N, C-alpha and C. Protein backbone atom coordinates (compact mmCIF):
# COMPACT_ATOMS: atom_id res chain seq x y z
N MET A 1 -32.33 7.89 4.79
CA MET A 1 -31.12 8.23 4.06
C MET A 1 -30.01 8.50 5.04
N LYS A 2 -28.82 8.05 4.71
CA LYS A 2 -27.66 8.25 5.57
C LYS A 2 -26.72 9.25 4.90
N THR A 3 -26.25 10.19 5.66
CA THR A 3 -25.29 11.18 5.18
C THR A 3 -23.87 10.64 5.37
N ILE A 4 -23.07 10.76 4.35
CA ILE A 4 -21.69 10.31 4.42
C ILE A 4 -20.78 11.53 4.21
N THR A 5 -19.86 11.70 5.13
CA THR A 5 -18.87 12.77 5.02
C THR A 5 -17.61 12.23 4.38
N LYS A 6 -17.13 12.97 3.40
CA LYS A 6 -15.92 12.54 2.73
C LYS A 6 -14.84 13.59 2.92
N PHE A 7 -13.58 13.12 2.89
CA PHE A 7 -12.42 13.99 2.98
C PHE A 7 -11.58 13.72 1.76
N LYS A 8 -11.21 14.79 1.07
CA LYS A 8 -10.49 14.64 -0.19
C LYS A 8 -9.02 15.07 0.02
N ALA A 9 -8.12 14.14 -0.28
CA ALA A 9 -6.68 14.41 -0.16
C ALA A 9 -6.24 15.32 -1.32
N ILE A 10 -5.05 15.86 -1.19
CA ILE A 10 -4.54 16.83 -2.19
C ILE A 10 -4.37 16.23 -3.58
N ASP A 11 -4.33 14.88 -3.66
CA ASP A 11 -4.20 14.26 -5.00
C ASP A 11 -5.56 13.75 -5.50
N GLY A 12 -6.63 14.06 -4.79
CA GLY A 12 -7.99 13.70 -5.23
C GLY A 12 -8.54 12.41 -4.64
N ILE A 13 -7.73 11.63 -3.94
CA ILE A 13 -8.24 10.40 -3.32
C ILE A 13 -9.18 10.79 -2.16
N GLU A 14 -10.29 10.10 -2.10
CA GLU A 14 -11.31 10.39 -1.08
C GLU A 14 -11.30 9.39 0.05
N PHE A 15 -11.56 9.85 1.23
CA PHE A 15 -11.63 9.05 2.43
C PHE A 15 -12.89 9.37 3.22
N THR A 16 -13.38 8.40 3.98
CA THR A 16 -14.53 8.64 4.85
C THR A 16 -14.05 8.90 6.28
N ASN A 17 -12.76 8.77 6.51
CA ASN A 17 -12.18 8.99 7.83
C ASN A 17 -11.16 10.15 7.74
N LYS A 18 -11.35 11.18 8.52
CA LYS A 18 -10.47 12.35 8.46
C LYS A 18 -9.03 11.99 8.80
N ASN A 19 -8.82 11.17 9.80
CA ASN A 19 -7.44 10.81 10.23
C ASN A 19 -6.72 10.01 9.14
N GLU A 20 -7.45 9.15 8.44
CA GLU A 20 -6.83 8.39 7.35
C GLU A 20 -6.44 9.31 6.23
N CYS A 21 -7.23 10.30 5.97
CA CYS A 21 -6.89 11.31 4.92
C CYS A 21 -5.64 12.09 5.31
N ILE A 22 -5.58 12.51 6.58
CA ILE A 22 -4.40 13.26 7.06
C ILE A 22 -3.16 12.37 6.97
N LYS A 23 -3.28 11.12 7.38
CA LYS A 23 -2.16 10.18 7.32
C LYS A 23 -1.68 10.02 5.88
N TYR A 24 -2.63 9.92 4.95
CA TYR A 24 -2.30 9.76 3.54
C TYR A 24 -1.60 11.03 2.99
N GLU A 25 -2.07 12.18 3.39
CA GLU A 25 -1.43 13.43 2.93
C GLU A 25 -0.03 13.58 3.49
N LEU A 26 0.18 13.08 4.70
CA LEU A 26 1.54 13.10 5.28
C LEU A 26 2.48 12.17 4.48
N LEU A 27 1.93 11.04 4.01
CA LEU A 27 2.72 10.16 3.14
C LEU A 27 3.09 10.90 1.86
N ILE A 28 2.15 11.58 1.26
CA ILE A 28 2.42 12.35 0.04
C ILE A 28 3.55 13.35 0.30
N ASP A 29 3.48 14.05 1.43
CA ASP A 29 4.53 15.04 1.76
C ASP A 29 5.89 14.38 1.90
N ARG A 30 5.92 13.22 2.57
CA ARG A 30 7.20 12.50 2.75
C ARG A 30 7.79 12.08 1.40
N VAL A 31 6.94 11.53 0.55
CA VAL A 31 7.39 11.07 -0.77
C VAL A 31 7.87 12.27 -1.60
N ASN A 32 7.10 13.37 -1.57
CA ASN A 32 7.47 14.53 -2.35
C ASN A 32 8.80 15.11 -1.88
N SER A 33 9.05 15.09 -0.59
CA SER A 33 10.33 15.64 -0.10
C SER A 33 11.51 14.79 -0.59
N ILE A 34 11.31 13.51 -0.75
CA ILE A 34 12.35 12.66 -1.32
C ILE A 34 12.50 12.89 -2.80
N MET A 35 11.42 12.88 -3.51
CA MET A 35 11.47 13.02 -4.96
C MET A 35 11.94 14.40 -5.40
N ASN A 36 11.74 15.40 -4.56
CA ASN A 36 12.21 16.76 -4.89
C ASN A 36 13.73 16.89 -4.88
N THR A 37 14.41 15.85 -4.39
CA THR A 37 15.88 15.87 -4.45
C THR A 37 16.39 15.50 -5.84
N LEU A 38 15.51 14.93 -6.66
CA LEU A 38 15.85 14.57 -8.02
C LEU A 38 15.49 15.74 -8.97
N PRO A 39 16.17 15.83 -10.10
CA PRO A 39 15.79 16.86 -11.08
C PRO A 39 14.34 16.68 -11.52
N LYS A 40 13.68 17.79 -11.70
CA LYS A 40 12.30 17.74 -12.21
C LYS A 40 12.36 17.24 -13.66
N HIS A 41 11.49 16.29 -13.96
CA HIS A 41 11.51 15.80 -15.34
C HIS A 41 10.43 16.51 -16.20
N PRO A 42 10.70 16.63 -17.47
CA PRO A 42 9.74 17.32 -18.34
C PRO A 42 8.44 16.57 -18.36
N ASP A 43 7.35 17.30 -18.33
CA ASP A 43 6.02 16.72 -18.40
C ASP A 43 5.49 16.94 -19.83
N SER A 44 6.10 16.25 -20.77
CA SER A 44 5.74 16.48 -22.16
C SER A 44 5.65 15.15 -22.91
N CYS A 45 4.93 15.19 -23.98
CA CYS A 45 4.81 14.02 -24.83
C CYS A 45 6.15 13.68 -25.48
N ASP A 46 6.93 14.71 -25.82
CA ASP A 46 8.24 14.48 -26.41
C ASP A 46 9.12 13.66 -25.50
N PHE A 47 9.16 14.04 -24.22
CA PHE A 47 9.99 13.30 -23.25
C PHE A 47 9.48 11.86 -23.10
N ALA A 48 8.17 11.73 -22.98
CA ALA A 48 7.58 10.40 -22.86
C ALA A 48 7.85 9.54 -24.06
N ASN A 49 8.04 10.15 -25.21
CA ASN A 49 8.25 9.44 -26.48
C ASN A 49 9.73 9.31 -26.85
N GLY A 50 10.62 9.48 -25.88
CA GLY A 50 12.01 9.18 -26.12
C GLY A 50 12.86 10.28 -26.72
N SER A 51 12.48 11.56 -26.51
CA SER A 51 13.24 12.65 -27.12
C SER A 51 14.53 12.98 -26.41
N GLY A 52 14.81 12.30 -25.33
CA GLY A 52 16.05 12.56 -24.59
C GLY A 52 15.93 11.99 -23.19
N TYR A 53 16.95 12.26 -22.38
CA TYR A 53 17.00 11.70 -21.02
C TYR A 53 17.54 12.72 -20.02
N LEU A 54 17.29 12.45 -18.76
CA LEU A 54 17.89 13.21 -17.66
C LEU A 54 19.03 12.35 -17.11
N GLN A 55 20.18 12.95 -16.93
CA GLN A 55 21.31 12.23 -16.34
C GLN A 55 21.32 12.46 -14.84
N HIS A 56 21.32 11.37 -14.06
CA HIS A 56 21.29 11.48 -12.61
C HIS A 56 22.68 11.32 -11.99
N ASP A 57 22.83 11.98 -10.85
CA ASP A 57 24.01 11.81 -10.02
C ASP A 57 23.80 10.50 -9.20
N LYS A 58 24.81 9.66 -9.19
CA LYS A 58 24.70 8.33 -8.56
C LYS A 58 24.32 8.43 -7.08
N THR A 59 24.99 9.29 -6.34
CA THR A 59 24.75 9.39 -4.91
C THR A 59 23.35 9.93 -4.59
N ILE A 60 22.97 10.98 -5.27
CA ILE A 60 21.64 11.57 -5.06
C ILE A 60 20.56 10.57 -5.40
N LEU A 61 20.72 9.90 -6.53
CA LEU A 61 19.74 8.92 -6.95
C LEU A 61 19.62 7.77 -5.94
N LYS A 62 20.77 7.24 -5.52
CA LYS A 62 20.78 6.13 -4.55
C LYS A 62 20.12 6.54 -3.25
N ASN A 63 20.41 7.73 -2.76
CA ASN A 63 19.80 8.20 -1.50
C ASN A 63 18.29 8.33 -1.61
N ALA A 64 17.84 8.85 -2.75
CA ALA A 64 16.39 8.99 -2.96
C ALA A 64 15.74 7.63 -3.06
N LYS A 65 16.36 6.72 -3.78
CA LYS A 65 15.80 5.38 -3.97
C LYS A 65 15.70 4.64 -2.62
N VAL A 66 16.76 4.69 -1.84
CA VAL A 66 16.75 4.00 -0.54
C VAL A 66 15.72 4.63 0.40
N ALA A 67 15.66 5.95 0.42
CA ALA A 67 14.69 6.62 1.28
C ALA A 67 13.26 6.25 0.91
N LEU A 68 12.97 6.17 -0.40
CA LEU A 68 11.63 5.79 -0.83
C LEU A 68 11.36 4.32 -0.47
N LEU A 69 12.33 3.47 -0.67
CA LEU A 69 12.15 2.05 -0.34
C LEU A 69 11.93 1.85 1.16
N LYS A 70 12.57 2.64 1.98
CA LYS A 70 12.35 2.54 3.41
C LYS A 70 10.91 2.89 3.79
N ILE A 71 10.37 3.87 3.11
CA ILE A 71 8.93 4.16 3.33
C ILE A 71 8.08 2.99 2.83
N CYS A 72 8.46 2.41 1.69
CA CYS A 72 7.70 1.25 1.19
C CYS A 72 7.67 0.13 2.21
N LYS A 73 8.79 -0.07 2.89
CA LYS A 73 8.87 -1.14 3.90
C LYS A 73 7.89 -0.92 5.06
N GLU A 74 7.49 0.31 5.30
CA GLU A 74 6.51 0.62 6.35
C GLU A 74 5.13 0.10 5.98
N TYR A 75 4.88 -0.06 4.70
CA TYR A 75 3.57 -0.46 4.19
C TYR A 75 3.51 -1.88 3.66
N ILE A 76 4.66 -2.37 3.20
CA ILE A 76 4.71 -3.68 2.54
C ILE A 76 5.86 -4.47 3.14
N ASP A 77 5.52 -5.65 3.61
CA ASP A 77 6.56 -6.56 4.14
C ASP A 77 6.89 -7.60 3.10
N HIS A 78 7.90 -7.29 2.27
CA HIS A 78 8.29 -8.22 1.21
C HIS A 78 9.79 -8.13 0.97
N LYS A 79 10.41 -9.25 0.72
CA LYS A 79 11.87 -9.32 0.54
C LYS A 79 12.37 -8.49 -0.63
N TRP A 80 11.56 -8.29 -1.65
CA TRP A 80 12.00 -7.54 -2.82
C TRP A 80 12.37 -6.12 -2.48
N ILE A 81 11.74 -5.55 -1.47
CA ILE A 81 12.06 -4.17 -1.10
C ILE A 81 13.46 -4.09 -0.53
N GLN A 82 13.77 -4.97 0.43
CA GLN A 82 15.10 -4.96 1.01
C GLN A 82 16.16 -5.35 0.00
N ILE A 83 15.84 -6.29 -0.90
CA ILE A 83 16.79 -6.68 -1.92
C ILE A 83 17.15 -5.47 -2.80
N ASN A 84 16.16 -4.64 -3.13
CA ASN A 84 16.41 -3.44 -3.94
C ASN A 84 17.21 -2.41 -3.15
N ILE A 85 17.08 -2.37 -1.85
CA ILE A 85 17.91 -1.48 -1.06
C ILE A 85 19.34 -1.91 -1.07
N ASP A 86 19.56 -3.21 -0.96
CA ASP A 86 20.92 -3.78 -0.85
C ASP A 86 21.66 -3.92 -2.16
N ASP A 87 20.95 -4.03 -3.28
CA ASP A 87 21.59 -4.33 -4.55
C ASP A 87 21.04 -3.42 -5.66
N ASP A 88 21.88 -2.54 -6.16
CA ASP A 88 21.48 -1.60 -7.23
C ASP A 88 21.19 -2.30 -8.55
N SER A 89 21.68 -3.53 -8.72
CA SER A 89 21.51 -4.18 -10.01
C SER A 89 20.15 -4.89 -10.17
N ILE A 90 19.35 -4.94 -9.13
CA ILE A 90 18.03 -5.59 -9.19
C ILE A 90 17.09 -4.72 -10.00
N HIS A 91 16.37 -5.33 -10.95
CA HIS A 91 15.49 -4.57 -11.78
C HIS A 91 14.35 -3.97 -10.95
N PRO A 92 14.02 -2.69 -11.17
CA PRO A 92 13.00 -2.02 -10.35
C PRO A 92 11.59 -2.52 -10.59
N SER A 93 11.37 -3.35 -11.61
CA SER A 93 10.02 -3.83 -11.88
C SER A 93 9.49 -4.72 -10.77
N TYR A 94 10.37 -5.34 -10.00
CA TYR A 94 9.93 -6.20 -8.90
C TYR A 94 9.16 -5.38 -7.88
N VAL A 95 9.75 -4.29 -7.44
CA VAL A 95 9.09 -3.39 -6.47
C VAL A 95 7.88 -2.75 -7.16
N GLY A 96 8.02 -2.40 -8.43
CA GLY A 96 6.91 -1.83 -9.17
C GLY A 96 5.70 -2.71 -9.15
N ARG A 97 5.90 -3.98 -9.30
CA ARG A 97 4.78 -4.93 -9.26
C ARG A 97 4.11 -4.94 -7.89
N LEU A 98 4.93 -4.94 -6.84
CA LEU A 98 4.37 -4.89 -5.48
C LEU A 98 3.54 -3.64 -5.27
N LEU A 99 4.08 -2.51 -5.67
CA LEU A 99 3.37 -1.24 -5.49
C LEU A 99 2.07 -1.21 -6.29
N ASP A 100 2.11 -1.78 -7.49
CA ASP A 100 0.87 -1.88 -8.28
C ASP A 100 -0.17 -2.70 -7.52
N ASP A 101 0.29 -3.84 -6.99
CA ASP A 101 -0.64 -4.74 -6.29
C ASP A 101 -1.23 -4.09 -5.04
N TYR A 102 -0.41 -3.33 -4.30
CA TYR A 102 -0.87 -2.71 -3.07
C TYR A 102 -1.64 -1.42 -3.31
N GLY A 103 -1.46 -0.80 -4.43
CA GLY A 103 -2.22 0.37 -4.81
C GLY A 103 -1.99 1.59 -3.92
N ILE A 104 -0.76 1.78 -3.48
CA ILE A 104 -0.44 2.95 -2.65
C ILE A 104 0.06 4.02 -3.62
N LYS A 105 -0.85 4.86 -4.07
CA LYS A 105 -0.64 5.77 -5.16
C LYS A 105 0.62 6.64 -5.03
N PRO A 106 0.87 7.29 -3.89
CA PRO A 106 2.06 8.15 -3.84
C PRO A 106 3.36 7.35 -4.02
N LEU A 107 3.42 6.16 -3.45
CA LEU A 107 4.63 5.33 -3.60
C LEU A 107 4.76 4.81 -5.03
N ASN A 108 3.66 4.37 -5.58
CA ASN A 108 3.65 3.84 -6.93
C ASN A 108 4.06 4.91 -7.95
N SER A 109 3.50 6.08 -7.81
CA SER A 109 3.82 7.18 -8.73
C SER A 109 5.30 7.54 -8.66
N ALA A 110 5.81 7.62 -7.44
CA ALA A 110 7.22 7.96 -7.28
C ALA A 110 8.12 6.87 -7.83
N TRP A 111 7.77 5.64 -7.54
CA TRP A 111 8.63 4.50 -7.99
C TRP A 111 8.66 4.40 -9.51
N TYR A 112 7.63 4.86 -10.15
CA TYR A 112 7.59 4.81 -11.62
C TYR A 112 8.81 5.48 -12.22
N ARG A 113 9.24 6.59 -11.59
CA ARG A 113 10.45 7.27 -12.08
C ARG A 113 11.68 6.37 -12.04
N PHE A 114 11.79 5.57 -11.02
CA PHE A 114 12.93 4.67 -10.87
C PHE A 114 12.89 3.57 -11.95
N GLN A 115 11.69 3.20 -12.36
CA GLN A 115 11.55 2.20 -13.41
C GLN A 115 11.92 2.78 -14.78
N CYS A 116 12.04 4.08 -14.87
CA CYS A 116 12.40 4.76 -16.13
C CYS A 116 13.91 5.03 -16.20
N ILE A 117 14.68 4.55 -15.25
CA ILE A 117 16.11 4.84 -15.21
C ILE A 117 16.90 3.60 -15.62
N ASP A 118 17.82 3.82 -16.58
CA ASP A 118 18.61 2.69 -17.10
C ASP A 118 19.87 2.48 -16.25
N SER A 119 20.67 1.53 -16.64
CA SER A 119 21.88 1.17 -15.88
C SER A 119 22.96 2.27 -15.93
N ASN A 120 22.81 3.22 -16.85
CA ASN A 120 23.74 4.34 -16.95
C ASN A 120 23.20 5.59 -16.22
N LEU A 121 22.19 5.37 -15.38
CA LEU A 121 21.57 6.41 -14.55
C LEU A 121 20.88 7.48 -15.39
N ARG A 122 20.43 7.11 -16.55
CA ARG A 122 19.69 8.03 -17.43
C ARG A 122 18.19 7.76 -17.23
N GLU A 123 17.47 8.81 -16.98
CA GLU A 123 16.01 8.69 -16.80
C GLU A 123 15.32 9.05 -18.11
N TRP A 124 14.54 8.12 -18.59
CA TRP A 124 13.76 8.28 -19.82
C TRP A 124 12.32 8.58 -19.48
N GLY A 125 11.54 8.91 -20.47
CA GLY A 125 10.14 9.28 -20.25
C GLY A 125 9.21 8.13 -19.94
N GLN A 126 9.69 6.90 -20.12
CA GLN A 126 8.91 5.72 -19.79
C GLN A 126 9.83 4.52 -19.65
N PRO A 127 9.36 3.49 -18.93
CA PRO A 127 10.25 2.33 -18.70
C PRO A 127 10.74 1.66 -19.97
N TYR A 128 9.96 1.71 -21.03
CA TYR A 128 10.39 1.07 -22.29
C TYR A 128 11.77 1.53 -22.68
N TYR A 129 12.00 2.86 -22.63
CA TYR A 129 13.29 3.40 -23.05
C TYR A 129 14.42 3.10 -22.06
N ALA A 130 14.07 2.85 -20.82
CA ALA A 130 15.11 2.43 -19.86
C ALA A 130 15.58 1.04 -20.22
N ASN A 131 14.69 0.23 -20.73
CA ASN A 131 15.03 -1.12 -21.14
C ASN A 131 15.62 -1.21 -22.54
N TYR A 132 15.23 -0.22 -23.40
CA TYR A 132 15.71 -0.18 -24.79
C TYR A 132 16.16 1.23 -25.14
N PRO A 133 17.21 1.72 -24.47
CA PRO A 133 17.63 3.10 -24.70
C PRO A 133 18.05 3.40 -26.16
N GLU A 134 18.46 2.38 -26.86
CA GLU A 134 18.86 2.57 -28.25
C GLU A 134 17.69 3.00 -29.15
N LYS A 135 16.47 2.82 -28.66
CA LYS A 135 15.29 3.18 -29.43
C LYS A 135 14.94 4.69 -29.25
N ALA A 136 15.64 5.37 -28.33
CA ALA A 136 15.34 6.77 -28.00
C ALA A 136 16.44 7.67 -28.56
N THR A 137 16.16 8.97 -28.55
CA THR A 137 17.15 9.98 -28.95
C THR A 137 18.19 10.07 -27.85
N GLN A 138 19.43 9.93 -28.21
CA GLN A 138 20.55 9.95 -27.27
C GLN A 138 20.97 11.39 -26.99
N LYS A 139 20.13 12.09 -26.25
CA LYS A 139 20.39 13.52 -25.98
C LYS A 139 20.09 13.82 -24.51
N CYS A 140 21.07 14.33 -23.81
CA CYS A 140 20.88 14.71 -22.40
C CYS A 140 20.14 16.03 -22.36
N ILE A 141 19.05 16.05 -21.63
CA ILE A 141 18.23 17.29 -21.54
C ILE A 141 18.24 17.85 -20.13
N SER A 142 19.10 17.33 -19.27
CA SER A 142 19.16 17.88 -17.88
C SER A 142 20.26 18.90 -17.73
């Protein structure tokens, strides 16, 4: 029988290599420091089901988005990432698809919030409402 040592990151992901776990937790810290510049969104079913939106400041949102995309570029070499840095009008689902494919949980989880933001900088509880805001309650909750 062979003994295997595992290291568990703060989000529950397990590693067999201590240094890889440390590196992963450092990524989590970097992502969290970026995302903490945005207003905390409600963690409720009502919010997820379209009961209102968070209104974002354009500059703060842009800075957070670019900072997160720059981290994405460290892990993924794809033109869609730079295109999203350069052009605010590009739909975030392109990068979302890349992050889904690469399975980098901290980046994917953070980017999900950007997929929930519509062209008026309103963050909804899910991407559906960012694409169809008229289906949600038009109430600012931030």
